[in-house]
C-alpha atoms as a PDB file:
ATOM      1  CA  UNK A   1      92.676  83.461  70.403  1.00  0.00           C
ATOM      2  CA  UNK A   2      92.626  82.779  74.178  1.00  0.00           C
ATOM      3  CA  UNK A   3      92.868  79.161  75.312  1.00  0.00           C
ATOM      4  CA  UNK A   4      90.027  77.765  77.461  1.00  0.00           C
ATOM      5  CA  UNK A   5      92.417  77.771  80.424  1.00  0.00           C
ATOM      6  CA  UNK A   6      93.171  81.458  79.898  1.00  0.00           C
ATOM      7  CA  UNK A   7      89.470  82.271  79.578  1.00  0.00           C
ATOM      8  CA  UNK A   8      88.744  80.551  82.876  1.00  0.00           C
ATOM      9  CA  UNK A   9      91.605  82.412  84.569  1.00  0.00           C
ATOM     10  CA  UNK A  10      90.287  85.739  83.325  1.00  0.00           C
ATOM     11  CA  UNK A  11      86.633  84.973  83.947  1.00  0.00           C
ATOM     12  CA  UNK A  12      86.119  82.025  86.331  1.00  0.00           C
ATOM     13  CA  UNK A  13      82.518  81.369  87.297  1.00  0.00           C
ATOM     14  CA  UNK A  14      83.562  80.387  90.810  1.00  0.00           C
ATOM     15  CA  UNK A  15      86.989  80.827  92.316  1.00  0.00           C
ATOM     16  CA  UNK A  16      88.627  79.995  95.621  1.00  0.00           C
ATOM     17  CA  UNK A  17      90.201  82.702  97.724  1.00  0.00           C
ATOM     18  CA  UNK A  18      93.531  80.870  97.623  1.00  0.00           C
ATOM     19  CA  UNK A  19      93.828  81.239  93.840  1.00  0.00           C
ATOM     20  CA  UNK A  20      96.427  83.858  92.897  1.00  0.00           C
ATOM     21  CA  UNK A  21      98.720  84.834  90.043  1.00  0.00           C
ATOM     22  CA  UNK A  22     102.221  86.313  89.936  1.00  0.00           C
ATOM     23  CA  UNK A  23     102.327  89.999  90.894  1.00  0.00           C
ATOM     24  CA  UNK A  24     101.782  92.255  87.876  1.00  0.00           C
ATOM     25  CA  UNK A  25     104.762  94.394  86.873  1.00  0.00           C
ATOM     26  CA  UNK A  26     102.987  97.678  87.696  1.00  0.00           C
ATOM     27  CA  UNK A  27     102.172  96.445  91.209  1.00  0.00           C
ATOM     28  CA  UNK A  28     105.582  95.129  92.199  1.00  0.00           C
ATOM     29  CA  UNK A  29     106.811  96.372  95.567  1.00  0.00           C
ATOM     30  CA  UNK A  30     109.682  95.723  97.974  1.00  0.00           C
ATOM     31  CA  UNK A  31     108.705  92.353  99.401  1.00  0.00           C
ATOM     32  CA  UNK A  32     111.745  92.354 101.664  1.00  0.00           C
ATOM     33  CA  UNK A  33     110.631  95.592 103.306  1.00  0.00           C
ATOM     34  CA  UNK A  34     107.124  94.175 103.737  1.00  0.00           C
ATOM     35  CA  UNK A  35     108.540  91.001 105.273  1.00  0.00           C
ATOM     36  CA  UNK A  36     110.500  93.027 107.819  1.00  0.00           C
ATOM     37  CA  UNK A  37     107.446  95.149 108.596  1.00  0.00           C
ATOM     38  CA  UNK A  38     105.228  92.104 109.133  1.00  0.00           C
ATOM     39  CA  UNK A  39     107.790  90.498 111.385  1.00  0.00           C
ATOM     40  CA  UNK A  40     107.603  93.425 113.794  1.00  0.00           C
ATOM     41  CA  UNK A  41     103.929  94.372 113.279  1.00  0.00           C
ATOM     42  CA  UNK A  42     101.912  91.165 112.764  1.00  0.00           C
ATOM     43  CA  UNK A  43     101.856  88.796 115.702  1.00  0.00           C
ATOM     44  CA  UNK A  44     102.787  85.229 114.776  1.00  0.00           C
ATOM     45  CA  UNK A  45     104.269  86.055 111.363  1.00  0.00           C
ATOM     46  CA  UNK A  46     107.270  83.913 110.394  1.00  0.00           C
ATOM     47  CA  UNK A  47     109.714  84.379 107.520  1.00  0.00           C
ATOM     48  CA  UNK A  48     110.005  83.814 104.610  1.00  0.00           C
ATOM     49  CA  UNK A  49     107.208  85.740 102.856  1.00  0.00           C
ATOM     50  CA  UNK A  50     105.568  84.611  99.620  1.00  0.00           C
ATOM     51  CA  UNK A  51     103.325  87.026  97.666  1.00  0.00           C
ATOM     52  CA  UNK A  52     100.650  86.303  95.055  1.00  0.00           C
ATOM     53  CA  UNK A  53      98.193  88.743  93.470  1.00  0.00           C
ATOM     54  CA  UNK A  54      94.436  88.236  93.401  1.00  0.00           C
ATOM     55  CA  UNK A  55      92.974  88.773  89.942  1.00  0.00           C
ATOM     56  CA  UNK A  56      89.448  90.009  89.359  1.00  0.00           C
ATOM     57  CA  UNK A  57      89.251  93.334  91.165  1.00  0.00           C
ATOM     58  CA  UNK A  58      89.601  96.588  89.246  1.00  0.00           C
ATOM     59  CA  UNK A  59      90.401  98.973  92.081  1.00  0.00           C
ATOM     60  CA  UNK A  60      92.671  98.516  95.094  1.00  0.00           C
ATOM     61  CA  UNK A  61      95.199  95.770  94.289  1.00  0.00           C
ATOM     62  CA  UNK A  62      94.816  92.741  96.551  1.00  0.00           C
ATOM     63  CA  UNK A  63      97.457  90.160  97.462  1.00  0.00           C
ATOM     64  CA  UNK A  64      97.560  86.873  99.345  1.00  0.00           C
ATOM     65  CA  UNK A  65     100.595  86.633 101.623  1.00  0.00           C
ATOM     66  CA  UNK A  66     101.905  83.299 102.885  1.00  0.00           C
ATOM     67  CA  UNK A  67     104.473  83.058 105.647  1.00  0.00           C
ATOM     68  CA  UNK A  68     107.092  80.424 106.382  1.00  0.00           C
ATOM     69  CA  UNK A  69     104.750  78.149 108.328  1.00  0.00           C
ATOM     70  CA  UNK A  70     101.869  78.353 105.865  1.00  0.00           C
ATOM     71  CA  UNK A  71      99.803  81.055 107.560  1.00  0.00           C
ATOM     72  CA  UNK A  72      97.990  83.230 105.031  1.00  0.00           C
ATOM     73  CA  UNK A  73      97.104  86.912 105.128  1.00  0.00           C
ATOM     74  CA  UNK A  74      95.544  89.402 102.704  1.00  0.00           C
ATOM     75  CA  UNK A  75      97.061  92.776 101.825  1.00  0.00           C
ATOM     76  CA  UNK A  76      95.116  95.596 100.179  1.00  0.00           C
ATOM     77  CA  UNK A  77      97.015  98.618  98.921  1.00  0.00           C
ATOM     78  CA  UNK A  78      96.540 101.754  96.907  1.00  0.00           C
ATOM     79  CA  UNK A  79      97.433 101.430  93.215  1.00  0.00           C
ATOM     80  CA  UNK A  80     100.439 103.315  91.879  1.00  0.00           C
ATOM     81  CA  UNK A  81     100.306 106.562  89.934  1.00  0.00           C
ATOM     82  CA  UNK A  82      98.209 109.704  90.195  1.00  0.00           C
ATOM     83  CA  UNK A  83      94.837 108.931  91.786  1.00  0.00           C
ATOM     84  CA  UNK A  84      91.478 110.687  91.713  1.00  0.00           C
ATOM     85  CA  UNK A  85      90.649 112.732  94.819  1.00  0.00           C
ATOM     86  CA  UNK A  86      89.301 110.638  97.733  1.00  0.00           C
ATOM     87  CA  UNK A  87      89.695 107.401  95.752  1.00  0.00           C
ATOM     88  CA  UNK A  88      91.397 104.233  97.021  1.00  0.00           C
ATOM     89  CA  UNK A  89      91.097 105.135 100.701  1.00  0.00           C
ATOM     90  CA  UNK A  90      92.458 101.931 102.230  1.00  0.00           C
ATOM     91  CA  UNK A  91      92.512 103.620 105.631  1.00  0.00           C
ATOM     92  CA  UNK A  92      88.698 103.888 105.470  1.00  0.00           C
ATOM     93  CA  UNK A  93      88.438 100.220 104.502  1.00  0.00           C
ATOM     94  CA  UNK A  94      90.522  99.295 107.515  1.00  0.00           C
ATOM     95  CA  UNK A  95      88.473 101.498 109.807  1.00  0.00           C
ATOM     96  CA  UNK A  96      85.108 100.044 108.810  1.00  0.00           C
ATOM     97  CA  UNK A  97      86.130  96.377 109.005  1.00  0.00           C
ATOM     98  CA  UNK A  98      87.760  97.083 112.371  1.00  0.00           C
ATOM     99  CA  UNK A  99      84.459  98.525 113.598  1.00  0.00           C
ATOM    100  CA  UNK A 100      82.371  95.686 112.158  1.00  0.00           C
ATOM    101  CA  UNK A 101      84.632  92.916 113.426  1.00  0.00           C
ATOM    102  CA  UNK A 102      82.804  93.008 116.777  1.00  0.00           C
ATOM    103  CA  UNK A 103      79.328  92.802 115.164  1.00  0.00           C
ATOM    104  CA  UNK A 104      77.335  90.040 113.451  1.00  0.00           C
ATOM    105  CA  UNK A 105      78.332  91.396 110.024  1.00  0.00           C
ATOM    106  CA  UNK A 106      80.890  88.958 108.577  1.00  0.00           C
ATOM    107  CA  UNK A 107      84.247  90.599 107.767  1.00  0.00           C
ATOM    108  CA  UNK A 108      87.874  89.482 107.722  1.00  0.00           C
ATOM    109  CA  UNK A 109      89.762  90.130 110.950  1.00  0.00           C
ATOM    110  CA  UNK A 110      91.846  93.318 110.551  1.00  0.00           C
ATOM    111  CA  UNK A 111      95.506  93.159 111.639  1.00  0.00           C
ATOM    112  CA  UNK A 112      97.352  96.368 110.816  1.00  0.00           C
ATOM    113  CA  UNK A 113      97.145  99.568 108.756  1.00  0.00           C
ATOM    114  CA  UNK A 114     100.380 101.059 107.414  1.00  0.00           C
ATOM    115  CA  UNK A 115     100.595 104.604 106.049  1.00  0.00           C
ATOM    116  CA  UNK A 116     104.390 104.797 106.040  1.00  0.00           C
ATOM    117  CA  UNK A 117     105.533 105.290 102.413  1.00  0.00           C
ATOM    118  CA  UNK A 118     108.954 103.903 103.316  1.00  0.00           C
ATOM    119  CA  UNK A 119     107.590 100.344 103.483  1.00  0.00           C
ATOM    120  CA  UNK A 120     106.084  99.624 100.048  1.00  0.00           C
ATOM    121  CA  UNK A 121     105.551 103.157  98.760  1.00  0.00           C
ATOM    122  CA  UNK A 122     101.783 103.426  99.302  1.00  0.00           C
ATOM    123  CA  UNK A 123      99.229 102.971 102.086  1.00  0.00           C
ATOM    124  CA  UNK A 124      98.156  99.385 102.743  1.00  0.00           C
ATOM    125  CA  UNK A 125      96.526  97.193 105.351  1.00  0.00           C
ATOM    126  CA  UNK A 126      96.725  93.537 106.280  1.00  0.00           C
ATOM    127  CA  UNK A 127      93.789  91.377 107.338  1.00  0.00           C
ATOM    128  CA  UNK A 128      93.093  87.706 107.905  1.00  0.00           C
ATOM    129  CA  UNK A 129      92.799  85.343 104.963  1.00  0.00           C
ATOM    130  CA  UNK A 130      89.285  83.920 104.647  1.00  0.00           C
ATOM    131  CA  UNK A 131      89.184  80.494 103.028  1.00  0.00           C
ATOM    132  CA  UNK A 132      86.090  80.115 100.853  1.00  0.00           C
ATOM    133  CA  UNK A 133      84.307  80.511  97.521  1.00  0.00           C
ATOM    134  CA  UNK A 134      83.882  83.656  95.452  1.00  0.00           C
ATOM    135  CA  UNK A 135      81.071  83.544  92.883  1.00  0.00           C
ATOM    136  CA  UNK A 136      82.043  85.545  89.792  1.00  0.00           C
ATOM    137  CA  UNK A 137      78.870  84.793  87.808  1.00  0.00           C
ATOM    138  CA  UNK A 138      75.501  86.219  88.850  1.00  0.00           C
ATOM    139  CA  UNK A 139      73.832  83.179  87.321  1.00  0.00           C
ATOM    140  CA  UNK A 140      75.623  80.627  89.557  1.00  0.00           C
ATOM    141  CA  UNK A 141      75.692  78.104  86.699  1.00  0.00           C
ATOM    142  CA  UNK A 142      77.539  75.427  88.692  1.00  0.00           C
ATOM    143  CA  UNK A 143      74.930  75.244  91.470  1.00  0.00           C
ATOM    144  CA  UNK A 144      71.510  73.638  91.757  1.00  0.00           C
ATOM    145  CA  UNK A 145      68.307  75.686  91.774  1.00  0.00           C
ATOM    146  CA  UNK A 146      67.986  75.201  95.542  1.00  0.00           C
ATOM    147  CA  UNK A 147      71.585  76.274  96.125  1.00  0.00           C
ATOM    148  CA  UNK A 148      71.103  79.378  93.971  1.00  0.00           C
ATOM    149  CA  UNK A 149      68.097  80.446  96.003  1.00  0.00           C
ATOM    150  CA  UNK A 150      70.012  79.916  99.246  1.00  0.00           C
ATOM    151  CA  UNK A 151      72.981  81.982  98.049  1.00  0.00           C
ATOM    152  CA  UNK A 152      70.757  84.906  97.027  1.00  0.00           C
ATOM    153  CA  UNK A 153      68.772  84.676 100.255  1.00  0.00           C
ATOM    154  CA  UNK A 154      72.012  84.801 102.244  1.00  0.00           C
ATOM    155  CA  UNK A 155      73.154  87.829 100.267  1.00  0.00           C
ATOM    156  CA  UNK A 156      69.915  89.724 100.971  1.00  0.00           C
ATOM    157  CA  UNK A 157      70.055  88.756 104.641  1.00  0.00           C
ATOM    158  CA  UNK A 158      73.630  89.912 105.171  1.00  0.00           C
ATOM    159  CA  UNK A 159      72.892  93.244 103.464  1.00  0.00           C
ATOM    160  CA  UNK A 160      70.017  93.811 105.872  1.00  0.00           C
ATOM    161  CA  UNK A 161      72.259  92.806 108.752  1.00  0.00           C
ATOM    162  CA  UNK A 162      74.799  95.445 107.692  1.00  0.00           C
ATOM    163  CA  UNK A 163      72.140  98.151 107.438  1.00  0.00           C
ATOM    164  CA  UNK A 164      70.863  97.304 110.925  1.00  0.00           C
ATOM    165  CA  UNK A 165      74.201  97.994 112.635  1.00  0.00           C
ATOM    166  CA  UNK A 166      74.108 101.008 114.953  1.00  0.00           C
ATOM    167  CA  UNK A 167      76.990 102.946 113.413  1.00  0.00           C
ATOM    168  CA  UNK A 168      77.307 105.190 116.468  1.00  0.00           C
ATOM    169  CA  UNK A 169      77.625 102.220 118.801  1.00  0.00           C
ATOM    170  CA  UNK A 170      80.571 100.804 116.816  1.00  0.00           C
ATOM    171  CA  UNK A 171      82.425 104.113 116.646  1.00  0.00           C
ATOM    172  CA  UNK A 172      81.549 105.096 113.087  1.00  0.00           C
ATOM    173  CA  UNK A 173      79.580 108.247 113.893  1.00  0.00           C
ATOM    174  CA  UNK A 174      82.263 110.308 112.083  1.00  0.00           C
ATOM    175  CA  UNK A 175      82.622 107.871 109.183  1.00  0.00           C
ATOM    176  CA  UNK A 176      80.345 110.042 107.064  1.00  0.00           C
ATOM    177  CA  UNK A 177      77.599 112.620 107.323  1.00  0.00           C
ATOM    178  CA  UNK A 178      74.037 111.920 108.382  1.00  0.00           C
ATOM    179  CA  UNK A 179      71.574 113.009 105.693  1.00  0.00           C
ATOM    180  CA  UNK A 180      72.201 114.535 102.295  1.00  0.00           C
ATOM    181  CA  UNK A 181      73.930 111.379 101.072  1.00  0.00           C
ATOM    182  CA  UNK A 182      72.386 111.193  97.623  1.00  0.00           C
ATOM    183  CA  UNK A 183      73.097 114.842  96.895  1.00  0.00           C
ATOM    184  CA  UNK A 184      76.754 114.360  97.866  1.00  0.00           C
ATOM    185  CA  UNK A 185      76.998 111.158  95.868  1.00  0.00           C
ATOM    186  CA  UNK A 186      75.582 112.701  92.716  1.00  0.00           C
ATOM    187  CA  UNK A 187      78.004 115.598  93.065  1.00  0.00           C
ATOM    188  CA  UNK A 188      80.969 113.357  93.838  1.00  0.00           C
ATOM    189  CA  UNK A 189      80.502 110.944  90.966  1.00  0.00           C
ATOM    190  CA  UNK A 190      79.792 113.741  88.522  1.00  0.00           C
ATOM    191  CA  UNK A 191      83.159 115.241  89.466  1.00  0.00           C
ATOM    192  CA  UNK A 192      84.890 111.861  89.306  1.00  0.00           C
ATOM    193  CA  UNK A 193      83.442 111.250  85.871  1.00  0.00           C
ATOM    194  CA  UNK A 194      84.517 114.659  84.619  1.00  0.00           C
ATOM    195  CA  UNK A 195      88.040 113.974  85.928  1.00  0.00           C
ATOM    196  CA  UNK A 196      88.306 110.681  84.023  1.00  0.00           C
ATOM    197  CA  UNK A 197      86.244 111.480  80.899  1.00  0.00           C
ATOM    198  CA  UNK A 198      87.809 110.359  77.615  1.00  0.00           C
ATOM    199  CA  UNK A 199      84.947 111.179  75.221  1.00  0.00           C
ATOM    200  CA  UNK A 200      81.587 112.936  75.151  1.00  0.00           C
ATOM    201  CA  UNK A 201      78.687 110.699  76.203  1.00  0.00           C
ATOM    202  CA  UNK A 202      75.251 112.374  75.918  1.00  0.00           C
ATOM    203  CA  UNK A 203      73.619 109.907  78.320  1.00  0.00           C
ATOM    204  CA  UNK A 204      76.107 110.800  81.077  1.00  0.00           C
ATOM    205  CA  UNK A 205      75.492 114.502  80.504  1.00  0.00           C
ATOM    206  CA  UNK A 206      71.729 113.923  80.670  1.00  0.00           C
ATOM    207  CA  UNK A 207      72.022 111.949  83.901  1.00  0.00           C
ATOM    208  CA  UNK A 208      74.225 114.584  85.529  1.00  0.00           C
ATOM    209  CA  UNK A 209      71.405 117.049  84.886  1.00  0.00           C
ATOM    210  CA  UNK A 210      68.451 114.781  85.786  1.00  0.00           C
ATOM    211  CA  UNK A 211      69.756 113.329  89.056  1.00  0.00           C
ATOM    212  CA  UNK A 212      70.175 116.621  91.003  1.00  0.00           C
ATOM    213  CA  UNK A 213      66.699 117.671  89.906  1.00  0.00           C
ATOM    214  CA  UNK A 214      65.064 114.473  91.220  1.00  0.00           C
ATOM    215  CA  UNK A 215      66.762 113.876  94.555  1.00  0.00           C
ATOM    216  CA  UNK A 216      64.528 111.980  97.015  1.00  0.00           C
ATOM    217  CA  UNK A 217      64.001 113.000 100.605  1.00  0.00           C
ATOM    218  CA  UNK A 218      66.136 110.793 102.858  1.00  0.00           C
ATOM    219  CA  UNK A 219      64.787 109.372 106.106  1.00  0.00           C
ATOM    220  CA  UNK A 220      67.394 106.779 107.051  1.00  0.00           C
ATOM    221  CA  UNK A 221      71.175 106.702 107.439  1.00  0.00           C
ATOM    222  CA  UNK A 222      73.117 103.454 107.806  1.00  0.00           C
ATOM    223  CA  UNK A 223      76.530 102.069 107.028  1.00  0.00           C
ATOM    224  CA  UNK A 224      76.547 101.751 103.236  1.00  0.00           C
ATOM    225  CA  UNK A 225      78.986  99.324 101.622  1.00  0.00           C
ATOM    226  CA  UNK A 226      79.000 101.141  98.287  1.00  0.00           C
ATOM    227  CA  UNK A 227      79.929  98.101  96.159  1.00  0.00           C
ATOM    228  CA  UNK A 228      77.619  95.428  97.484  1.00  0.00           C
ATOM    229  CA  UNK A 229      77.418  92.611  94.943  1.00  0.00           C
ATOM    230  CA  UNK A 230      77.754  88.852  94.802  1.00  0.00           C
ATOM    231  CA  UNK A 231      81.424  88.917  93.832  1.00  0.00           C
ATOM    232  CA  UNK A 232      82.323  90.933  96.925  1.00  0.00           C
ATOM    233  CA  UNK A 233      81.404  88.157  99.322  1.00  0.00           C
ATOM    234  CA  UNK A 234      83.294  85.063 100.402  1.00  0.00           C
ATOM    235  CA  UNK A 235      81.063  82.048 100.956  1.00  0.00           C
ATOM    236  CA  UNK A 236      81.638  78.870 102.920  1.00  0.00           C
ATOM    237  CA  UNK A 237      82.988  75.988 100.807  1.00  0.00           C
ATOM    238  CA  UNK A 238      79.864  73.845 101.151  1.00  0.00           C
ATOM    239  CA  UNK A 239      77.192  76.003 102.785  1.00  0.00           C
ATOM    240  CA  UNK A 240      75.289  79.110 101.591  1.00  0.00           C
ATOM    241  CA  UNK A 241      76.890  81.081 104.399  1.00  0.00           C
ATOM    242  CA  UNK A 242      78.630  84.424 103.920  1.00  0.00           C
ATOM    243  CA  UNK A 243      81.985  84.279 105.716  1.00  0.00           C
ATOM    244  CA  UNK A 244      83.099  87.796 104.828  1.00  0.00           C
ATOM    245  CA  UNK A 245      81.992  90.879 102.923  1.00  0.00           C
ATOM    246  CA  UNK A 246      85.050  92.375 101.219  1.00  0.00           C
ATOM    247  CA  UNK A 247      86.086  95.458  99.197  1.00  0.00           C
ATOM    248  CA  UNK A 248      84.913  98.249 101.508  1.00  0.00           C
ATOM    249  CA  UNK A 249      86.648 101.023  99.573  1.00  0.00           C
ATOM    250  CA  UNK A 250      83.429 102.926  98.779  1.00  0.00           C
ATOM    251  CA  UNK A 251      81.805 102.484 102.176  1.00  0.00           C
ATOM    252  CA  UNK A 252      80.475 105.427 104.181  1.00  0.00           C
ATOM    253  CA  UNK A 253      77.364 106.488 106.068  1.00  0.00           C
ATOM    254  CA  UNK A 254      74.561 106.763 103.572  1.00  0.00           C
ATOM    255  CA  UNK A 255      71.206 105.713 102.209  1.00  0.00           C
ATOM    256  CA  UNK A 256      70.685 101.939 102.507  1.00  0.00           C
ATOM    257  CA  UNK A 257      68.535 101.833  99.369  1.00  0.00           C
ATOM    258  CA  UNK A 258      71.558 102.860  97.327  1.00  0.00           C
ATOM    259  CA  UNK A 259      73.218  99.565  98.307  1.00  0.00           C
ATOM    260  CA  UNK A 260      70.073  97.590  97.533  1.00  0.00           C
ATOM    261  CA  UNK A 261      69.563  99.211  94.129  1.00  0.00           C
ATOM    262  CA  UNK A 262      73.192  98.688  93.147  1.00  0.00           C
ATOM    263  CA  UNK A 263      72.886  95.061  94.235  1.00  0.00           C
ATOM    264  CA  UNK A 264      69.875  94.698  91.903  1.00  0.00           C
ATOM    265  CA  UNK A 265      71.530  96.070  88.748  1.00  0.00           C
ATOM    266  CA  UNK A 266      72.036  92.569  87.232  1.00  0.00           C
ATOM    267  CA  UNK A 267      68.253  92.508  86.796  1.00  0.00           C
ATOM    268  CA  UNK A 268      68.573  95.525  84.462  1.00  0.00           C
ATOM    269  CA  UNK A 269      71.886  95.340  82.585  1.00  0.00           C
ATOM    270  CA  UNK A 270      73.913  92.376  81.298  1.00  0.00           C
ATOM    271  CA  UNK A 271      77.563  91.960  82.168  1.00  0.00           C
ATOM    272  CA  UNK A 272      79.754  90.234  79.602  1.00  0.00           C
ATOM    273  CA  UNK A 273      81.979  88.900  82.393  1.00  0.00           C
ATOM    274  CA  UNK A 274      79.441  88.154  85.133  1.00  0.00           C
ATOM    275  CA  UNK A 275      76.224  87.120  83.393  1.00  0.00           C
ATOM    276  CA  UNK A 276      72.665  88.324  82.836  1.00  0.00           C
ATOM    277  CA  UNK A 277      69.647  87.912  85.126  1.00  0.00           C
ATOM    278  CA  UNK A 278      67.129  89.749  82.948  1.00  0.00           C
ATOM    279  CA  UNK A 279      65.453  86.864  81.169  1.00  0.00           C
ATOM    280  CA  UNK A 280      65.744  83.892  83.515  1.00  0.00           C
ATOM    281  CA  UNK A 281      62.821  81.699  84.453  1.00  0.00           C
ATOM    282  CA  UNK A 282      63.317  82.580  88.101  1.00  0.00           C
ATOM    283  CA  UNK A 283      61.003  79.962  89.561  1.00  0.00           C
ATOM    284  CA  UNK A 284      62.656  77.060  87.740  1.00  0.00           C
ATOM    285  CA  UNK A 285      66.194  78.392  87.861  1.00  0.00           C
ATOM    286  CA  UNK A 286      66.177  79.122  91.584  1.00  0.00           C
ATOM    287  CA  UNK A 287      67.400  82.718  91.590  1.00  0.00           C
ATOM    288  CA  UNK A 288      64.691  85.011  93.024  1.00  0.00           C
ATOM    289  CA  UNK A 289      63.109  87.676  90.865  1.00  0.00           C
ATOM    290  CA  UNK A 290      63.955  91.270  91.675  1.00  0.00           C
ATOM    291  CA  UNK A 291      60.622  91.667  93.465  1.00  0.00           C
ATOM    292  CA  UNK A 292      61.227  88.572  95.582  1.00  0.00           C
ATOM    293  CA  UNK A 293      64.770  89.637  96.393  1.00  0.00           C
ATOM    294  CA  UNK A 294      63.759  93.161  97.410  1.00  0.00           C
ATOM    295  CA  UNK A 295      60.809  91.822  99.414  1.00  0.00           C
ATOM    296  CA  UNK A 296      63.110  89.534 101.414  1.00  0.00           C
ATOM    297  CA  UNK A 297      65.449  92.426 102.210  1.00  0.00           C
ATOM    298  CA  UNK A 298      62.511  94.632 103.253  1.00  0.00           C
ATOM    299  CA  UNK A 299      61.109  91.897 105.494  1.00  0.00           C
ATOM    300  CA  UNK A 300      64.463  91.571 107.247  1.00  0.00           C
ATOM    301  CA  UNK A 301      64.625  95.359 107.657  1.00  0.00           C
ATOM    302  CA  UNK A 302      61.012  95.677 108.806  1.00  0.00           C
ATOM    303  CA  UNK A 303      60.089  97.905 105.847  1.00  0.00           C
ATOM    304  CA  UNK A 304      56.813  97.820 103.943  1.00  0.00           C
ATOM    305  CA  UNK A 305      57.940  99.461 100.691  1.00  0.00           C
ATOM    306  CA  UNK A 306      60.859 100.887  98.728  1.00  0.00           C
ATOM    307  CA  UNK A 307      60.228 104.579  97.987  1.00  0.00           C
ATOM    308  CA  UNK A 308      61.843 106.273  94.980  1.00  0.00           C
ATOM    309  CA  UNK A 309      63.120 102.928  93.669  1.00  0.00           C
ATOM    310  CA  UNK A 310      63.514 104.255  90.121  1.00  0.00           C
ATOM    311  CA  UNK A 311      65.783 107.073  91.297  1.00  0.00           C
ATOM    312  CA  UNK A 312      68.070 104.713  93.193  1.00  0.00           C
ATOM    313  CA  UNK A 313      68.353 102.396  90.205  1.00  0.00           C
ATOM    314  CA  UNK A 314      69.152 105.258  87.833  1.00  0.00           C
ATOM    315  CA  UNK A 315      71.698 106.669  90.243  1.00  0.00           C
ATOM    316  CA  UNK A 316      73.317 103.240  90.648  1.00  0.00           C
ATOM    317  CA  UNK A 317      73.706 102.889  86.888  1.00  0.00           C
ATOM    318  CA  UNK A 318      75.180 106.389  86.692  1.00  0.00           C
ATOM    319  CA  UNK A 319      77.595 105.825  89.557  1.00  0.00           C
ATOM    320  CA  UNK A 320      78.769 102.485  88.176  1.00  0.00           C
ATOM    321  CA  UNK A 321      79.279 104.143  84.791  1.00  0.00           C
ATOM    322  CA  UNK A 322      81.472 106.786  86.454  1.00  0.00           C
ATOM    323  CA  UNK A 323      83.412 104.091  88.322  1.00  0.00           C
ATOM    324  CA  UNK A 324      84.151 101.993  85.243  1.00  0.00           C
ATOM    325  CA  UNK A 325      85.166 105.127  83.363  1.00  0.00           C
ATOM    326  CA  UNK A 326      87.743 105.741  86.084  1.00  0.00           C
ATOM    327  CA  UNK A 327      88.918 102.130  85.785  1.00  0.00           C
ATOM    328  CA  UNK A 328      89.226 102.541  82.022  1.00  0.00           C
ATOM    329  CA  UNK A 329      91.195 105.775  82.418  1.00  0.00           C
ATOM    330  CA  UNK A 330      93.617 104.067  84.825  1.00  0.00           C
ATOM    331  CA  UNK A 331      93.932 101.242  82.318  1.00  0.00           C
ATOM    332  CA  UNK A 332      94.928 103.703  79.612  1.00  0.00           C
ATOM    333  CA  UNK A 333      97.489 105.167  81.994  1.00  0.00           C
ATOM    334  CA  UNK A 334      98.852 101.723  82.853  1.00  0.00           C
ATOM    335  CA  UNK A 335      98.238 101.702  86.621  1.00  0.00           C
ATOM    336  CA  UNK A 336      94.986  99.746  86.981  1.00  0.00           C
ATOM    337  CA  UNK A 337      94.952  96.744  89.328  1.00  0.00           C
ATOM    338  CA  UNK A 338      93.888  94.388  86.515  1.00  0.00           C
ATOM    339  CA  UNK A 339      94.910  94.149  82.834  1.00  0.00           C
ATOM    340  CA  UNK A 340      91.202  93.805  82.024  1.00  0.00           C
ATOM    341  CA  UNK A 341      90.689  97.494  82.845  1.00  0.00           C
ATOM    342  CA  UNK A 342      91.632  98.517  79.316  1.00  0.00           C
ATOM    343  CA  UNK A 343      88.594  96.600  77.993  1.00  0.00           C
ATOM    344  CA  UNK A 344      86.136  98.815  79.906  1.00  0.00           C
ATOM    345  CA  UNK A 345      85.922 101.590  77.350  1.00  0.00           C
ATOM    346  CA  UNK A 346      82.386 100.738  76.171  1.00  0.00           C
ATOM    347  CA  UNK A 347      81.002  99.868  79.597  1.00  0.00           C
ATOM    348  CA  UNK A 348      80.457 103.469  80.696  1.00  0.00           C
ATOM    349  CA  UNK A 349      78.441 104.103  77.539  1.00  0.00           C
ATOM    350  CA  UNK A 350      76.340 100.956  78.060  1.00  0.00           C
ATOM    351  CA  UNK A 351      75.546 101.714  81.701  1.00  0.00           C
ATOM    352  CA  UNK A 352      74.744 105.374  81.206  1.00  0.00           C
ATOM    353  CA  UNK A 353      72.502 104.538  78.244  1.00  0.00           C
ATOM    354  CA  UNK A 354      70.637 102.008  80.386  1.00  0.00           C
ATOM    355  CA  UNK A 355      70.207 104.645  83.087  1.00  0.00           C
ATOM    356  CA  UNK A 356      68.857 107.231  80.709  1.00  0.00           C
ATOM    357  CA  UNK A 357      66.527 104.679  79.093  1.00  0.00           C
ATOM    358  CA  UNK A 358      65.101 103.995  82.550  1.00  0.00           C
ATOM    359  CA  UNK A 359      64.461 107.714  83.015  1.00  0.00           C
ATOM    360  CA  UNK A 360      62.739 108.041  79.660  1.00  0.00           C
ATOM    361  CA  UNK A 361      60.829 104.774  79.542  1.00  0.00           C
ATOM    362  CA  UNK A 362      60.326 103.821  83.175  1.00  0.00           C
ATOM    363  CA  UNK A 363      60.003 100.167  84.126  1.00  0.00           C
END
C-alpha cells in the first residue's frame, strides 16, 4: 500500500516547478558532458551542475538543471530506445518556442538546441526555468470558486491568443502544411496506434473507419499546440496568470478546433489521476461549463459558432487513446519517461470506447 506521501508525489493536485526527483535509471546520462557543453554554450552558466528529473510527464523526459550560483534551467530530451516515427521531435519544440518568444504567447525563453549525440546520446534543448504553479487536477480542489473561474478563463484566453498568432510573420510558415490537417492527423494517429498496438480493441478499429469518412471541411489554419490542457501551463504563484505554455512536442500548423476539443475532454471522460468535470455544479463550484468555456474562447477569437464540434471531440478521444497506447507500449519496453506509464494499459480502451459512444449516441 502506498503511503500518503507517495500518493501525493505520484499525483499531486498542485505542484511547483522547482519540485523534482532523482533521475530515473533509464534516463541517466553523462552529466559531466552536459556540464561541459553548457559551460561553452549557455551564457552565464557556472559549474557545478546539479540535475533533477521532473515527474508527471509521459513523453519527452524533462529535467531541472541548477548551476553553481543557483541559476536554474530546464532540459527536455528524447527518451532512450527505439521510438515511433516522427515522435519526440524536440527540435520542433525548440523551433516553436523560439518563434513564439517574441509574441504575446507565454513560453519559456529558449537557450540552445543540441543534436550532437556525443553529448548525452540523444537530441535535447535547454530553456529558461519558469518559477510557478502547475495544476495537476482539473477540479482545482485547493482553490476558491472565484479562483477556479479565473484559472479557466485564463486558459481559454491564452489558447485564443495562440491561435491568433500570424504563423507566417513569426517564421513558422514551413512548420506544417496549410489545410488537410485533420486528414493527416487521422492517418498519422492510426499508424501510430497500429505501431504500438498490444491487443485488439473494437472501438479503435471502428474509429479508424469512421473518422476518415466524416472529415470536416477546414477553413482555418493556425499554430496548434497539440496537447493543450491545464497541466501543460505554468501559472503565477498568486495570480491566475499563465507564465508559460509547455510541452510543445505535438505542435504543428493545424485546425484550431482540434486544440479546443482536446482541451474540453475532461467534460466527457474522467481521469483517475486528474479528476472529473462531468458532474460538477459549475455555477457553485466556479469552473465554467463546457458551453461557457467554449463561448469565451469563441468570443476572444471573434467566432460565432463551433462547426463539426462532435467530430473534433471524437477525434480528440481517438488521438489521445493512440497516444496513451504508445506510452503504455514504451512502459512495457522500459523506456517511458515516467514509471506510471505501465499503468496506462486500460486507458486506451476507456478513451476509444468513449469516442465510439459519442459517435453512436451523440451528445
